[in-house]
Amino acid sequence: MDINATKALLHDRLADKTRHLDKITSSLRSEHSKSFSEQAIERESDEVKEQLKANIEAEINQINATLDRVESDTYAICSKCDGDIGTGRLEALPYTQVCINCAD
């Protein structure tokens, strides 16, 4: 496994997620329509955006934690059992922190 390629992938994913988060945050700050019926629709949309924002923030935290693990040379070590996570699993889930056995 090429750790430099993995780091680049993680940094690219982090940049994409950060841009997406910025767009959602900006959208949530925009003013609502003066029409009550349109406000209801906009507020429903805001609820979806809030959940999406929370999911993206969680993913950003996972990516940052993984980058920390890469820097500390613990990237391929399971955070629960200290076993090897496995190249195949890391390629499929680049920011997993647990081996397949601990994931179950």
Protein backbone atom coordinates (compact mmCIF):
# COMPACT_ATOMS: atom_id res chain seq x y z
CA MET A 1 0.00 0.00 0.00
CA ASP A 2 1.32 3.40 -1.02
CA ILE A 3 0.91 5.58 2.08
CA ASN A 4 1.65 8.77 0.12
CA ALA A 5 -1.15 7.98 -2.32
CA THR A 6 -3.42 7.30 0.65
CA LYS A 7 -2.50 10.63 2.24
CA ALA A 8 -3.21 12.42 -1.04
CA LEU A 9 -6.56 10.66 -1.32
CA LEU A 10 -7.46 11.64 2.24
CA HIS A 11 -6.42 15.26 1.71
CA ASP A 12 -8.46 15.43 -1.51
CA ARG A 13 -11.48 13.91 0.23
CA LEU A 14 -11.06 16.36 3.12
CA ALA A 15 -10.94 19.32 0.73
CA ASP A 16 -14.06 18.10 -1.09
CA LYS A 17 -15.96 17.58 2.15
CA THR A 18 -14.87 20.97 3.50
CA ARG A 19 -16.09 22.71 0.33
CA HIS A 20 -19.40 20.85 0.53
CA LEU A 21 -19.76 21.77 4.21
CA ASP A 22 -19.08 25.44 3.41
CA LYS A 23 -21.82 25.44 0.75
CA ILE A 24 -24.34 23.86 3.10
CA THR A 25 -23.45 26.22 5.93
CA SER A 26 -23.82 29.20 3.62
CA SER A 27 -27.15 27.92 2.38
CA LEU A 28 -28.41 27.49 5.94
CA ARG A 29 -27.53 31.11 6.71
CA SER A 30 -29.56 32.50 3.83
CA GLU A 31 -32.80 34.30 4.57
CA HIS A 32 -36.14 32.60 4.18
CA SER A 33 -38.90 33.76 1.91
CA LYS A 34 -41.62 36.05 3.22
CA SER A 35 -44.30 33.66 2.00
CA PHE A 36 -45.41 31.30 4.77
CA SER A 37 -45.95 28.37 2.39
CA GLU A 38 -42.49 28.81 0.93
CA GLN A 39 -41.01 29.14 4.42
CA ALA A 40 -42.45 25.74 5.36
CA ILE A 41 -40.75 24.12 2.38
CA GLU A 42 -37.50 25.96 3.09
CA ARG A 43 -37.54 24.86 6.72
CA GLU A 44 -38.02 21.23 5.69
CA SER A 45 -35.09 21.62 3.33
CA ASP A 46 -33.06 23.12 6.19
CA GLU A 47 -33.72 20.03 8.31
CA VAL A 48 -32.29 17.83 5.57
CA LYS A 49 -29.32 20.18 5.19
CA GLU A 50 -28.68 20.12 8.96
CA GLN A 51 -28.54 16.31 8.92
CA LEU A 52 -26.30 16.34 5.87
CA LYS A 53 -24.08 18.90 7.59
CA ALA A 54 -23.79 16.67 10.67
CA ASN A 55 -22.88 13.67 8.51
CA ILE A 56 -20.21 15.64 6.64
CA GLU A 57 -18.77 16.97 9.91
CA ALA A 58 -18.54 13.40 11.21
CA GLU A 59 -16.79 12.30 8.03
CA ILE A 60 -14.35 15.23 8.27
CA ASN A 61 -13.56 14.19 11.85
CA GLN A 62 -12.90 10.62 10.67
CA ILE A 63 -10.60 11.83 7.91
CA ASN A 64 -8.68 14.08 10.30
CA ALA A 65 -8.32 11.23 12.79
CA THR A 66 -7.04 9.01 10.00
CA LEU A 67 -4.51 11.62 8.90
CA ASP A 68 -3.31 11.77 12.52
CA ARG A 69 -2.95 7.98 12.48
CA VAL A 70 -0.96 8.18 9.24
CA GLU A 71 1.40 10.74 10.77
CA SER A 72 1.89 8.63 13.90
CA ASP A 73 2.55 5.46 11.86
CA THR A 74 -0.52 3.70 13.30
CA TYR A 75 -2.66 3.87 10.16
CA ALA A 76 -2.84 0.14 9.50
CA ILE A 77 -3.16 -0.84 13.17
CA CYS A 78 -6.60 -1.57 14.59
CA SER A 79 -7.53 0.94 17.28
CA LYS A 80 -9.36 -1.78 19.28
CA CYS A 81 -7.15 -4.88 19.18
CA ASP A 82 -3.83 -3.49 17.86
CA GLY A 83 -3.95 -6.06 15.06
CA ASP A 84 -3.36 -5.42 11.37
CA ILE A 85 -6.33 -3.80 9.61
CA GLY A 86 -5.38 -5.28 6.25
CA THR A 87 -4.60 -3.64 2.94
CA GLY A 88 -7.84 -4.72 1.27
CA ARG A 89 -9.96 -3.18 4.00
CA LEU A 90 -7.94 0.03 4.00
CA GLU A 91 -8.28 0.30 0.23
CA ALA A 92 -12.05 -0.17 0.49
CA LEU A 93 -12.48 2.05 3.55
CA PRO A 94 -9.49 4.41 3.67
CA TYR A 95 -10.47 5.96 6.97
CA THR A 96 -11.48 2.90 8.89
CA GLN A 97 -9.81 2.58 12.27
CA VAL A 98 -10.68 -1.03 13.04
CA CYS A 99 -9.93 -4.41 11.51
CA ILE A 100 -12.68 -6.54 10.01
CA ASN A 101 -12.95 -8.66 13.16
CA CYS A 102 -13.44 -5.66 15.44
CA ALA A 103 -15.88 -4.08 12.98
CA ASP A 104 -18.25 -7.01 13.53
